Each structure stands twice: as C-alpha cells, then as structure tokens.
Amino acid sequence: MENVNTIRMIVTVLVFISSASITISYLLQSPKASGLGAISGNATVYKSRRPIDLFLDKLILGSGILFGISTLVLAILRTA
C-alpha cells in the first residue's frame, strides 16, 4: 500500500510540473495575431517564427501529453 502512495505522490508532482510548464510556456510566447490589423487585412500572413517560439510550441505539446498521461495514471491509481 505504501508503494502505491509513493507512485501516487510522484504522479501528482508530474501533474503539477506539467501544468505549470504549459502555463508558463504559453505566457512566454510572442503573440501570433497582429491586433486590429488583422480585421482590415493588413496582417502579414507569412511571418517567420522565432526559434524560441518553436521550442515553446514543442514544450507545450510535450507537457500536454505528459499532463494527459499522468492524469490518467492518477485516476487509475485513485481507484486502486
């Protein structure tokens, strides 16, 4: 029983880390819209992305997958 509690604690920490990583990565990204210029058609469609934004996109994707899997494992462990 103590082994299950240890695993549950580790998975709970993973949930918190992944959710914080998603939130912080999203807030650090540069805005993708150009504000009111998008309404009148003045927005540039082919804007190059910075390497940090590409890294943050991958970090959000990986953290989202980790969050989903760890939440599923936590739900399974709760019934055990």
PDB file of N, CA and C in Angstrom:
ATOM      1  N   MET A   1       0.815  -1.193   0.000  1.00  0.00           N
ATOM      2  CA  MET A   1       0.000   0.000   0.000  1.00  0.00           C
ATOM      3  C   MET A   1       0.864   1.265   0.000  1.00  0.00           C
ATOM      4  N   GLU A   2       1.995   1.192   0.692  1.00  0.00           N
ATOM      5  CA  GLU A   2       2.876   2.351   0.736  1.00  0.00           C
ATOM      6  C   GLU A   2       3.520   2.612  -0.619  1.00  0.00           C
ATOM      7  N   ASN A   3       3.742   1.545  -1.398  1.00  0.00           N
ATOM      8  CA  ASN A   3       4.298   1.678  -2.732  1.00  0.00           C
ATOM      9  C   ASN A   3       3.338   2.443  -3.644  1.00  0.00           C
ATOM     10  N   VAL A   4       2.052   2.186  -3.527  1.00  0.00           N
ATOM     11  CA  VAL A   4       1.047   2.882  -4.334  1.00  0.00           C
ATOM     12  C   VAL A   4       0.993   4.356  -3.945  1.00  0.00           C
ATOM     13  N   ASN A   5       1.128   4.640  -2.662  1.00  0.00           N
ATOM     14  CA  ASN A   5       1.125   6.037  -2.215  1.00  0.00           C
ATOM     15  C   ASN A   5       2.334   6.799  -2.737  1.00  0.00           C
ATOM     16  N   THR A   6       3.477   6.140  -2.817  1.00  0.00           N
ATOM     17  CA  THR A   6       4.683   6.772  -3.353  1.00  0.00           C
ATOM     18  C   THR A   6       4.507   7.077  -4.833  1.00  0.00           C
ATOM     19  N   ILE A   7       3.977   6.127  -5.583  1.00  0.00           N
ATOM     20  CA  ILE A   7       3.742   6.337  -7.013  1.00  0.00           C
ATOM     21  C   ILE A   7       2.707   7.437  -7.217  1.00  0.00           C
ATOM     22  N   ARG A   8       1.671   7.441  -6.384  1.00  0.00           N
ATOM     23  CA  ARG A   8       0.643   8.478  -6.487  1.00  0.00           C
ATOM     24  C   ARG A   8       1.240   9.861  -6.237  1.00  0.00           C
ATOM     25  N   MET A   9       2.158   9.970  -5.283  1.00  0.00           N
ATOM     26  CA  MET A   9       2.797  11.253  -4.991  1.00  0.00           C
ATOM     27  C   MET A   9       3.669  11.703  -6.163  1.00  0.00           C
ATOM     28  N   ILE A  10       4.417  10.792  -6.754  1.00  0.00           N
ATOM     29  CA  ILE A  10       5.268  11.125  -7.894  1.00  0.00           C
ATOM     30  C   ILE A  10       4.432  11.581  -9.078  1.00  0.00           C
ATOM     31  N   VAL A  11       3.342  10.889  -9.353  1.00  0.00           N
ATOM     32  CA  VAL A  11       2.489  11.247 -10.480  1.00  0.00           C
ATOM     33  C   VAL A  11       1.793  12.587 -10.215  1.00  0.00           C
ATOM     34  N   THR A  12       1.440  12.859  -8.970  1.00  0.00           N
ATOM     35  CA  THR A  12       0.840  14.151  -8.632  1.00  0.00           C
ATOM     36  C   THR A  12       1.827  15.288  -8.871  1.00  0.00           C
ATOM     37  N   VAL A  13       3.072  15.076  -8.529  1.00  0.00           N
ATOM     38  CA  VAL A  13       4.104  16.081  -8.782  1.00  0.00           C
ATOM     39  C   VAL A  13       4.271  16.288 -10.292  1.00  0.00           C
ATOM     40  N   LEU A  14       4.217  15.214 -11.076  1.00  0.00           N
ATOM     41  CA  LEU A  14       4.306  15.333 -12.531  1.00  0.00           C
ATOM     42  C   LEU A  14       3.144  16.139 -13.093  1.00  0.00           C
ATOM     43  N   VAL A  15       1.953  15.960 -12.545  1.00  0.00           N
ATOM     44  CA  VAL A  15       0.793  16.735 -12.993  1.00  0.00           C
ATOM     45  C   VAL A  15       1.015  18.214 -12.728  1.00  0.00           C
ATOM     46  N   PHE A  16       1.490  18.560 -11.540  1.00  0.00           N
ATOM     47  CA  PHE A  16       1.725  19.960 -11.216  1.00  0.00           C
ATOM     48  C   PHE A  16       2.837  20.564 -12.067  1.00  0.00           C
ATOM     49  N   ILE A  17       3.914  19.831 -12.283  1.00  0.00           N
ATOM     50  CA  ILE A  17       5.019  20.345 -13.090  1.00  0.00           C
ATOM     51  C   ILE A  17       4.582  20.552 -14.533  1.00  0.00           C
ATOM     52  N   SER A  18       3.856  19.587 -15.091  1.00  0.00           N
ATOM     53  CA  SER A  18       3.431  19.725 -16.482  1.00  0.00           C
ATOM     54  C   SER A  18       2.414  20.847 -16.654  1.00  0.00           C
ATOM     55  N   SER A  19       1.520  21.013 -15.694  1.00  0.00           N
ATOM     56  CA  SER A  19       0.547  22.106 -15.827  1.00  0.00           C
ATOM     57  C   SER A  19       1.227  23.466 -15.696  1.00  0.00           C
ATOM     58  N   ALA A  20       2.186  23.585 -14.798  1.00  0.00           N
ATOM     59  CA  ALA A  20       2.930  24.842 -14.680  1.00  0.00           C
ATOM     60  C   ALA A  20       3.751  25.109 -15.934  1.00  0.00           C
ATOM     61  N   SER A  21       4.309  24.062 -16.516  1.00  0.00           N
ATOM     62  CA  SER A  21       5.091  24.205 -17.741  1.00  0.00           C
ATOM     63  C   SER A  21       4.222  24.670 -18.905  1.00  0.00           C
ATOM     64  N   ILE A  22       3.013  24.144 -19.005  1.00  0.00           N
ATOM     65  CA  ILE A  22       2.095  24.574 -20.062  1.00  0.00           C
ATOM     66  C   ILE A  22       1.753  26.044 -19.886  1.00  0.00           C
ATOM     67  N   THR A  23       1.428  26.434 -18.672  1.00  0.00           N
ATOM     68  CA  THR A  23       1.020  27.813 -18.411  1.00  0.00           C
ATOM     69  C   THR A  23       2.155  28.795 -18.679  1.00  0.00           C
ATOM     70  N   ILE A  24       3.330  28.508 -18.160  1.00  0.00           N
ATOM     71  CA  ILE A  24       4.461  29.418 -18.326  1.00  0.00           C
ATOM     72  C   ILE A  24       4.898  29.492 -19.781  1.00  0.00           C
ATOM     73  N   SER A  25       4.929  28.358 -20.470  1.00  0.00           N
ATOM     74  CA  SER A  25       5.327  28.357 -21.881  1.00  0.00           C
ATOM     75  C   SER A  25       4.356  29.148 -22.735  1.00  0.00           C
ATOM     76  N   TYR A  26       3.075  29.035 -22.434  1.00  0.00           N
ATOM     77  CA  TYR A  26       2.075  29.777 -23.195  1.00  0.00           C
ATOM     78  C   TYR A  26       2.220  31.278 -22.964  1.00  0.00           C
ATOM     79  N   LEU A  27       2.492  31.661 -21.729  1.00  0.00           N
ATOM     80  CA  LEU A  27       2.636  33.080 -21.431  1.00  0.00           C
ATOM     81  C   LEU A  27       3.909  33.684 -22.021  1.00  0.00           C
ATOM     82  N   LEU A  28       4.939  32.866 -22.222  1.00  0.00           N
ATOM     83  CA  LEU A  28       6.195  33.371 -22.772  1.00  0.00           C
ATOM     84  C   LEU A  28       6.188  33.506 -24.289  1.00  0.00           C
ATOM     85  N   GLN A  29       5.227  32.923 -24.952  1.00  0.00           N
ATOM     86  CA  GLN A  29       5.179  33.004 -26.411  1.00  0.00           C
ATOM     87  C   GLN A  29       4.839  34.412 -26.858  1.00  0.00           C
ATOM     88  N   SER A  30       5.378  34.769 -28.018  1.00  0.00           N
ATOM     89  CA  SER A  30       5.019  36.062 -28.586  1.00  0.00           C
ATOM     90  C   SER A  30       3.634  35.948 -29.219  1.00  0.00           C
ATOM     91  N   PRO A  31       2.878  37.049 -29.260  1.00  0.00           N
ATOM     92  CA  PRO A  31       1.525  36.978 -29.816  1.00  0.00           C
ATOM     93  C   PRO A  31       1.547  36.605 -31.296  1.00  0.00           C
ATOM     94  N   LYS A  32       0.602  35.783 -31.701  1.00  0.00           N
ATOM     95  CA  LYS A  32       0.552  35.336 -33.093  1.00  0.00           C
ATOM     96  C   LYS A  32      -0.340  36.229 -33.945  1.00  0.00           C
ATOM     97  N   ALA A  33      -1.260  36.944 -33.342  1.00  0.00           N
ATOM     98  CA  ALA A  33      -2.137  37.845 -34.079  1.00  0.00           C
ATOM     99  C   ALA A  33      -1.510  39.229 -34.127  1.00  0.00           C
ATOM    100  N   SER A  34      -1.924  40.018 -35.097  1.00  0.00           N
ATOM    101  CA  SER A  34      -1.367  41.361 -35.220  1.00  0.00           C
ATOM    102  C   SER A  34      -2.356  42.421 -34.761  1.00  0.00           C
ATOM    103  N   GLY A  35      -3.239  42.060 -33.886  1.00  0.00           N
ATOM    104  CA  GLY A  35      -4.156  43.036 -33.307  1.00  0.00           C
ATOM    105  C   GLY A  35      -5.243  43.452 -34.274  1.00  0.00           C
ATOM    106  N   LEU A  36      -5.518  44.745 -34.318  1.00  0.00           N
ATOM    107  CA  LEU A  36      -6.590  45.269 -35.160  1.00  0.00           C
ATOM    108  C   LEU A  36      -6.236  45.245 -36.637  1.00  0.00           C
ATOM    109  N   GLY A  37      -4.967  45.077 -36.957  1.00  0.00           N
ATOM    110  CA  GLY A  37      -4.573  44.994 -38.361  1.00  0.00           C
ATOM    111  C   GLY A  37      -5.127  43.767 -39.045  1.00  0.00           C
ATOM    112  N   ALA A  38      -5.445  42.731 -38.292  1.00  0.00           N
ATOM    113  CA  ALA A  38      -5.992  41.508 -38.874  1.00  0.00           C
ATOM    114  C   ALA A  38      -7.417  41.716 -39.370  1.00  0.00           C
ATOM    115  N   ILE A  39      -8.136  42.687 -38.799  1.00  0.00           N
ATOM    116  CA  ILE A  39      -9.517  42.937 -39.208  1.00  0.00           C
ATOM    117  C   ILE A  39      -9.568  43.541 -40.603  1.00  0.00           C
ATOM    118  N   SER A  40      -8.691  44.496 -40.865  1.00  0.00           N
ATOM    119  CA  SER A  40      -8.729  45.188 -42.157  1.00  0.00           C
ATOM    120  C   SER A  40      -7.912  44.486 -43.232  1.00  0.00           C
ATOM    121  N   GLY A  41      -7.244  43.409 -42.894  1.00  0.00           N
ATOM    122  CA  GLY A  41      -6.474  42.676 -43.892  1.00  0.00           C
ATOM    123  C   GLY A  41      -5.037  43.120 -43.995  1.00  0.00           C
ATOM    124  N   ASN A  42      -4.560  43.929 -43.074  1.00  0.00           N
ATOM    125  CA  ASN A  42      -3.180  44.409 -43.124  1.00  0.00           C
ATOM    126  C   ASN A  42      -2.191  43.468 -42.443  1.00  0.00           C
ATOM    127  N   ALA A  43      -2.658  42.364 -41.924  1.00  0.00           N
ATOM    128  CA  ALA A  43      -1.775  41.447 -41.213  1.00  0.00           C
ATOM    129  C   ALA A  43      -0.888  40.699 -42.201  1.00  0.00           C
ATOM    130  N   THR A  44       0.327  40.436 -41.791  1.00  0.00           N
ATOM    131  CA  THR A  44       1.217  39.643 -42.628  1.00  0.00           C
ATOM    132  C   THR A  44       0.964  38.174 -42.347  1.00  0.00           C
ATOM    133  N   VAL A  45       0.678  37.430 -43.382  1.00  0.00           N
ATOM    134  CA  VAL A  45       0.344  36.023 -43.240  1.00  0.00           C
ATOM    135  C   VAL A  45       1.599  35.180 -43.104  1.00  0.00           C
ATOM    136  N   TYR A  46       2.645  35.535 -43.829  1.00  0.00           N
ATOM    137  CA  TYR A  46       3.852  34.722 -43.869  1.00  0.00           C
ATOM    138  C   TYR A  46       4.918  35.300 -42.946  1.00  0.00           C
ATOM    139  N   LYS A  47       4.586  35.389 -41.703  1.00  0.00           N
ATOM    140  CA  LYS A  47       5.531  35.916 -40.725  1.00  0.00           C
ATOM    141  C   LYS A  47       6.426  34.781 -40.229  1.00  0.00           C
ATOM    142  N   SER A  48       7.719  35.019 -40.213  1.00  0.00           N
ATOM    143  CA  SER A  48       8.637  33.975 -39.750  1.00  0.00           C
ATOM    144  C   SER A  48       8.558  33.855 -38.235  1.00  0.00           C
ATOM    145  N   ARG A  49       8.670  32.643 -37.745  1.00  0.00           N
ATOM    146  CA  ARG A  49       8.587  32.367 -36.309  1.00  0.00           C
ATOM    147  C   ARG A  49       9.987  32.362 -35.720  1.00  0.00           C
ATOM    148  N   ARG A  50      10.092  32.845 -34.503  1.00  0.00           N
ATOM    149  CA  ARG A  50      11.373  32.820 -33.807  1.00  0.00           C
ATOM    150  C   ARG A  50      11.649  31.403 -33.326  1.00  0.00           C
ATOM    151  N   PRO A  51      12.908  31.018 -33.207  1.00  0.00           N
ATOM    152  CA  PRO A  51      13.232  29.666 -32.721  1.00  0.00           C
ATOM    153  C   PRO A  51      12.715  29.401 -31.310  1.00  0.00           C
ATOM    154  N   ILE A  52      12.662  30.434 -30.478  1.00  0.00           N
ATOM    155  CA  ILE A  52      12.171  30.233 -29.119  1.00  0.00           C
ATOM    156  C   ILE A  52      10.680  29.891 -29.140  1.00  0.00           C
ATOM    157  N   ASP A  53       9.934  30.465 -30.084  1.00  0.00           N
ATOM    158  CA  ASP A  53       8.510  30.142 -30.192  1.00  0.00           C
ATOM    159  C   ASP A  53       8.302  28.703 -30.658  1.00  0.00           C
ATOM    160  N   LEU A  54       9.158  28.247 -31.554  1.00  0.00           N
ATOM    161  CA  LEU A  54       9.061  26.852 -31.990  1.00  0.00           C
ATOM    162  C   LEU A  54       9.376  25.905 -30.834  1.00  0.00           C
ATOM    163  N   PHE A  55      10.381  26.258 -30.033  1.00  0.00           N
ATOM    164  CA  PHE A  55      10.715  25.449 -28.861  1.00  0.00           C
ATOM    165  C   PHE A  55       9.565  25.440 -27.855  1.00  0.00           C
ATOM    166  N   LEU A  56       8.968  26.599 -27.631  1.00  0.00           N
ATOM    167  CA  LEU A  56       7.858  26.676 -26.686  1.00  0.00           C
ATOM    168  C   LEU A  56       6.643  25.896 -27.177  1.00  0.00           C
ATOM    169  N   ASP A  57       6.414  25.875 -28.496  1.00  0.00           N
ATOM    170  CA  ASP A  57       5.325  25.061 -29.047  1.00  0.00           C
ATOM    171  C   ASP A  57       5.550  23.578 -28.755  1.00  0.00           C
ATOM    172  N   LYS A  58       6.787  23.129 -28.949  1.00  0.00           N
ATOM    173  CA  LYS A  58       7.104  21.722 -28.682  1.00  0.00           C
ATOM    174  C   LYS A  58       7.024  21.414 -27.189  1.00  0.00           C
ATOM    175  N   LEU A  59       7.428  22.376 -26.356  1.00  0.00           N
ATOM    176  CA  LEU A  59       7.346  22.189 -24.915  1.00  0.00           C
ATOM    177  C   LEU A  59       5.894  22.099 -24.452  1.00  0.00           C
ATOM    178  N   ILE A  60       5.027  22.916 -25.026  1.00  0.00           N
ATOM    179  CA  ILE A  60       3.608  22.863 -24.685  1.00  0.00           C
ATOM    180  C   ILE A  60       3.013  21.528 -25.115  1.00  0.00           C
ATOM    181  N   LEU A  61       3.368  21.058 -26.299  1.00  0.00           N
ATOM    182  CA  LEU A  61       2.856  19.776 -26.783  1.00  0.00           C
ATOM    183  C   LEU A  61       3.322  18.633 -25.890  1.00  0.00           C
ATOM    184  N   GLY A  62       4.603  18.605 -25.573  1.00  0.00           N
ATOM    185  CA  GLY A  62       5.133  17.544 -24.709  1.00  0.00           C
ATOM    186  C   GLY A  62       4.557  17.590 -23.313  1.00  0.00           C
ATOM    187  N   SER A  63       4.407  18.799 -22.774  1.00  0.00           N
ATOM    188  CA  SER A  63       3.827  18.935 -21.436  1.00  0.00           C
ATOM    189  C   SER A  63       2.359  18.543 -21.431  1.00  0.00           C
ATOM    190  N   GLY A  64       1.665  18.834 -22.509  1.00  0.00           N
ATOM    191  CA  GLY A  64       0.263  18.437 -22.606  1.00  0.00           C
ATOM    192  C   GLY A  64       0.092  16.933 -22.649  1.00  0.00           C
ATOM    193  N   ILE A  65       0.969  16.267 -23.382  1.00  0.00           N
ATOM    194  CA  ILE A  65       0.923  14.803 -23.437  1.00  0.00           C
ATOM    195  C   ILE A  65       1.261  14.215 -22.070  1.00  0.00           C
ATOM    196  N   LEU A  66       2.301  14.754 -21.419  1.00  0.00           N
ATOM    197  CA  LEU A  66       2.666  14.292 -20.080  1.00  0.00           C
ATOM    198  C   LEU A  66       1.537  14.541 -19.087  1.00  0.00           C
ATOM    199  N   PHE A  67       0.867  15.684 -19.195  1.00  0.00           N
ATOM    200  CA  PHE A  67      -0.245  16.006 -18.316  1.00  0.00           C
ATOM    201  C   PHE A  67      -1.393  15.015 -18.507  1.00  0.00           C
ATOM    202  N   GLY A  68      -1.715  14.720 -19.758  1.00  0.00           N
ATOM    203  CA  GLY A  68      -2.808  13.785 -20.022  1.00  0.00           C
ATOM    204  C   GLY A  68      -2.522  12.386 -19.515  1.00  0.00           C
ATOM    205  N   ILE A  69      -1.320  11.901 -19.774  1.00  0.00           N
ATOM    206  CA  ILE A  69      -0.961  10.547 -19.347  1.00  0.00           C
ATOM    207  C   ILE A  69      -0.887  10.460 -17.829  1.00  0.00           C
ATOM    208  N   SER A  70      -0.273  11.462 -17.197  1.00  0.00           N
ATOM    209  CA  SER A  70      -0.142  11.399 -15.742  1.00  0.00           C
ATOM    210  C   SER A  70      -1.493  11.568 -15.049  1.00  0.00           C
ATOM    211  N   THR A  71      -2.394  12.345 -15.631  1.00  0.00           N
ATOM    212  CA  THR A  71      -3.730  12.467 -15.059  1.00  0.00           C
ATOM    213  C   THR A  71      -4.493  11.155 -15.187  1.00  0.00           C
ATOM    214  N   LEU A  72      -4.328  10.470 -16.311  1.00  0.00           N
ATOM    215  CA  LEU A  72      -4.964   9.165 -16.491  1.00  0.00           C
ATOM    216  C   LEU A  72      -4.414   8.147 -15.493  1.00  0.00           C
ATOM    217  N   VAL A  73      -3.096   8.135 -15.301  1.00  0.00           N
ATOM    218  CA  VAL A  73      -2.487   7.220 -14.335  1.00  0.00           C
ATOM    219  C   VAL A  73      -2.956   7.550 -12.920  1.00  0.00           C
ATOM    220  N   LEU A  74      -3.062   8.838 -12.611  1.00  0.00           N
ATOM    221  CA  LEU A  74      -3.535   9.239 -11.294  1.00  0.00           C
ATOM    222  C   LEU A  74      -4.983   8.795 -11.055  1.00  0.00           C
ATOM    223  N   ALA A  75      -5.804   8.865 -12.082  1.00  0.00           N
ATOM    224  CA  ALA A  75      -7.199   8.404 -11.947  1.00  0.00           C
ATOM    225  C   ALA A  75      -7.264   6.894 -11.749  1.00  0.00           C
ATOM    226  N   ILE A  76      -6.384   6.169 -12.426  1.00  0.00           N
ATOM    227  CA  ILE A  76      -6.358   4.712 -12.261  1.00  0.00           C
ATOM    228  C   ILE A  76      -5.866   4.356 -10.854  1.00  0.00           C
ATOM    229  N   LEU A  77      -4.854   5.075 -10.371  1.00  0.00           N
ATOM    230  CA  LEU A  77      -4.314   4.802  -9.033  1.00  0.00           C
ATOM    231  C   LEU A  77      -5.301   5.175  -7.937  1.00  0.00           C
ATOM    232  N   ARG A  78      -6.166   6.113  -8.204  1.00  0.00           N
ATOM    233  CA  ARG A  78      -7.152   6.516  -7.190  1.00  0.00           C
ATOM    234  C   ARG A  78      -8.138   5.394  -6.924  1.00  0.00           C
ATOM    235  N   THR A  79      -8.460   4.616  -7.942  1.00  0.00           N
ATOM    236  CA  THR A  79      -9.391   3.509  -7.750  1.00  0.00           C
ATOM    237  C   THR A  79      -8.710   2.312  -7.114  1.00  0.00           C
ATOM    238  N   ALA A  80      -7.387   2.255  -7.196  1.00  0.00           N
ATOM    239  CA  ALA A  80      -6.666   1.101  -6.625  1.00  0.00           C
ATOM    240  C   ALA A  80      -6.514   1.202  -5.131  1.00  0.00           C
TER     241      ALA A  80
END
